[in-house]
Protein backbone atom coordinates (compact mmCIF):
# COMPACT_ATOMS: atom_id res chain seq x y z
CA MET A 1 25.45 10.01 22.23
CA TYR A 2 21.71 9.76 21.69
CA PRO A 3 19.79 6.49 21.62
CA ARG A 4 18.37 5.47 18.23
CA ILE A 5 15.67 2.87 17.70
CA THR A 6 17.04 -0.06 15.70
CA HIS A 7 14.45 -2.81 16.08
CA ILE A 8 11.16 -3.97 17.51
CA ALA A 9 10.99 -7.60 18.61
CA LEU A 10 7.74 -9.56 18.47
CA HIS A 11 6.85 -13.02 19.68
CA VAL A 12 4.45 -14.51 17.15
CA GLU A 13 2.51 -17.74 16.99
CA ASP A 14 2.92 -18.36 13.24
CA LEU A 15 6.29 -17.02 12.13
CA ASP A 16 5.85 -18.06 8.50
CA ALA A 17 2.46 -16.32 8.18
CA CYS A 18 3.84 -13.13 9.76
CA VAL A 19 6.89 -13.11 7.50
CA ALA A 20 4.60 -13.58 4.48
CA PHE A 21 2.34 -10.70 5.61
CA TYR A 22 5.20 -8.23 6.02
CA ARG A 23 6.81 -9.41 2.77
CA ASP A 24 3.56 -9.09 0.79
CA TYR A 25 2.02 -5.97 2.31
CA CYS A 26 5.09 -4.02 3.47
CA ALA A 27 7.75 -5.06 0.94
CA MET A 28 10.02 -6.24 3.78
CA SER A 29 12.51 -9.06 3.31
CA VAL A 30 14.16 -11.50 5.66
CA VAL A 31 17.70 -10.22 6.18
CA HIS A 32 18.72 -12.67 8.90
CA GLU A 33 17.28 -15.96 10.11
CA ARG A 34 18.38 -18.42 12.76
CA SER A 35 17.19 -20.94 15.30
CA SER A 36 17.77 -20.69 19.01
CA GLY A 37 16.75 -23.87 20.74
CA ARG A 38 13.22 -24.58 19.53
CA LYS A 39 12.57 -20.97 18.54
CA ARG A 40 13.03 -19.58 15.06
CA ILE A 41 14.00 -15.96 14.66
CA ALA A 42 13.72 -13.80 11.54
CA TRP A 43 14.81 -10.20 11.03
CA LEU A 44 12.78 -8.29 8.44
CA ALA A 45 13.75 -4.97 6.88
CA GLU A 46 12.77 -2.63 4.11
CA SER A 47 15.17 -2.50 1.17
CA GLY A 48 18.04 -0.15 1.98
CA ARG A 49 17.26 -0.09 5.71
CA GLU A 50 18.81 -3.44 6.66
CA THR A 51 21.28 -1.81 9.06
CA ASP A 52 18.93 0.95 10.20
CA PHE A 53 15.70 -0.67 11.45
CA VAL A 54 14.35 -4.23 11.57
CA PHE A 55 11.40 -6.18 12.92
CA VAL A 56 12.71 -9.17 14.87
CA MET A 57 10.09 -11.92 14.83
CA MET A 58 10.43 -14.88 17.12
CA SER A 59 8.33 -18.02 17.11
CA GLY A 60 6.74 -19.26 20.30
CA GLY A 61 4.33 -16.41 20.96
CA ARG A 62 0.56 -16.13 21.06
CA THR A 63 -1.70 -14.21 18.72
CA LEU A 64 -2.73 -10.87 20.23
CA GLU A 65 -6.40 -10.10 20.79
CA LEU A 66 -6.59 -6.31 20.97
CA PRO A 67 -9.87 -4.58 21.87
CA ALA A 68 -11.58 -2.63 19.08
CA GLN A 69 -10.78 0.74 20.66
CA ASP A 70 -7.05 -0.06 20.97
CA TYR A 71 -5.18 1.94 18.33
CA ARG A 72 -1.65 0.68 18.97
CA HIS A 73 -0.12 -0.07 15.59
CA PHE A 74 2.90 -0.06 13.32
CA GLY A 75 2.74 2.69 10.71
CA PHE A 76 3.86 2.46 7.09
CA ALA A 77 3.74 5.45 4.74
CA LEU A 78 2.60 5.11 1.15
CA GLU A 79 3.10 7.41 -1.83
CA SER A 80 -0.56 8.27 -2.52
CA ARG A 81 -4.19 8.00 -1.44
CA ALA A 82 -4.67 5.53 -4.31
CA ALA A 83 -1.98 3.30 -2.78
CA VAL A 84 -3.85 3.35 0.56
CA ASP A 85 -7.06 2.42 -1.25
CA ALA A 86 -5.29 -0.42 -3.09
CA VAL A 87 -3.91 -1.86 0.17
CA ALA A 88 -7.36 -1.59 1.76
CA GLU A 89 -9.04 -3.37 -1.14
CA ARG A 90 -6.51 -6.19 -1.09
CA ALA A 91 -6.82 -6.52 2.70
CA ARG A 92 -10.62 -6.53 2.44
CA GLN A 93 -10.36 -9.46 0.03
CA ASP A 94 -7.84 -11.20 2.32
CA GLY A 95 -10.06 -10.66 5.38
CA CYS A 96 -7.55 -8.60 7.37
CA LEU A 97 -8.88 -5.03 6.94
CA ILE A 98 -9.82 -3.55 10.33
CA TRP A 99 -10.02 0.22 9.59
CA GLU A 100 -11.61 1.30 6.34
CA PRO A 101 -9.75 4.15 4.59
CA ARG A 102 -10.47 7.48 6.26
CA ASP A 103 -9.26 11.07 6.40
CA GLU A 104 -8.24 12.77 9.61
CA PRO A 105 -6.77 16.22 10.21
CA TYR A 106 -3.03 16.83 10.03
CA PRO A 107 -0.78 15.13 11.02
CA VAL A 108 -2.78 11.89 10.68
CA GLY A 109 -3.81 12.11 7.02
CA TYR A 110 -5.48 9.39 4.98
CA TYR A 111 -5.08 5.85 6.28
CA CYS A 112 -6.42 2.34 6.65
CA GLY A 113 -5.56 -0.44 9.08
CA LEU A 114 -4.89 -4.15 8.79
CA ARG A 115 -4.39 -6.94 11.30
CA ASP A 116 -1.31 -9.09 10.76
CA PRO A 117 -1.42 -12.85 11.49
CA GLY A 118 0.07 -12.18 14.95
CA GLY A 119 -2.79 -9.85 15.89
CA ASN A 120 -0.74 -6.65 15.53
CA GLN A 121 -2.41 -3.68 13.88
CA VAL A 122 -0.67 -2.12 10.89
CA GLU A 123 -1.53 1.30 9.50
CA PHE A 124 -0.90 2.36 5.89
CA SER A 125 -1.07 6.12 5.44
CA TYR A 126 -0.59 8.99 3.05
CA GLY A 127 -0.23 12.64 4.00
CA GLN A 128 1.60 12.33 7.28
CA PRO A 129 4.79 14.34 7.76
CA LEU A 130 6.78 11.07 7.77
CA GLY A 131 8.11 8.82 5.03
CA PRO A 132 6.99 8.65 1.39
CA GLY A 133 4.30 11.18 0.59
CA ALA A 134 5.56 13.62 3.24
CA GLN A 135 6.91 16.01 0.61
CA GLY A 136 4.48 18.86 0.17
CA VAL A 137 2.51 18.08 3.31
CA MET A 138 1.72 21.40 4.87
CA PRO A 139 1.48 21.57 8.64
CA GLY A 140 -1.88 22.56 10.00
CA PRO A 141 -3.52 22.60 13.39
CA ALA A 142 -2.59 19.58 15.45
CA SER A 143 -5.33 17.02 15.74
CA GLU A 144 -6.13 15.15 18.89
CA ALA A 145 -3.97 12.09 19.39
CA ARG A 146 -5.68 8.88 18.46
């Protein structure tokens, strides 16, 4: 048997704001919610992946303050460059855009970055060999890791 990632759990300061961010920007839905003592817990998943992978968000955390050069992030694939641009424009208006859209060599592709209400960085990309938009992506020379 091989291990398989099923969830990432995050302590967040404002659970409702984080749920709204992932609902609105990532099309994720709450698939389970409960209270445990004074903490609230919500599981969020993409449609059709409810038993495959979830974000577990728990109240009671603190907002992260990551340095500008810290590229840790969650990555979401989009179906086109135009979709990346649309997310970036919306995030710019909402004040949460942290990386303007940019192109990088394969396998990174075209992407932008947002900051969620918990301080986590979230990448939206097109042209990576993962997820929507991966069809037709031709491998090229590996780029340096970010």
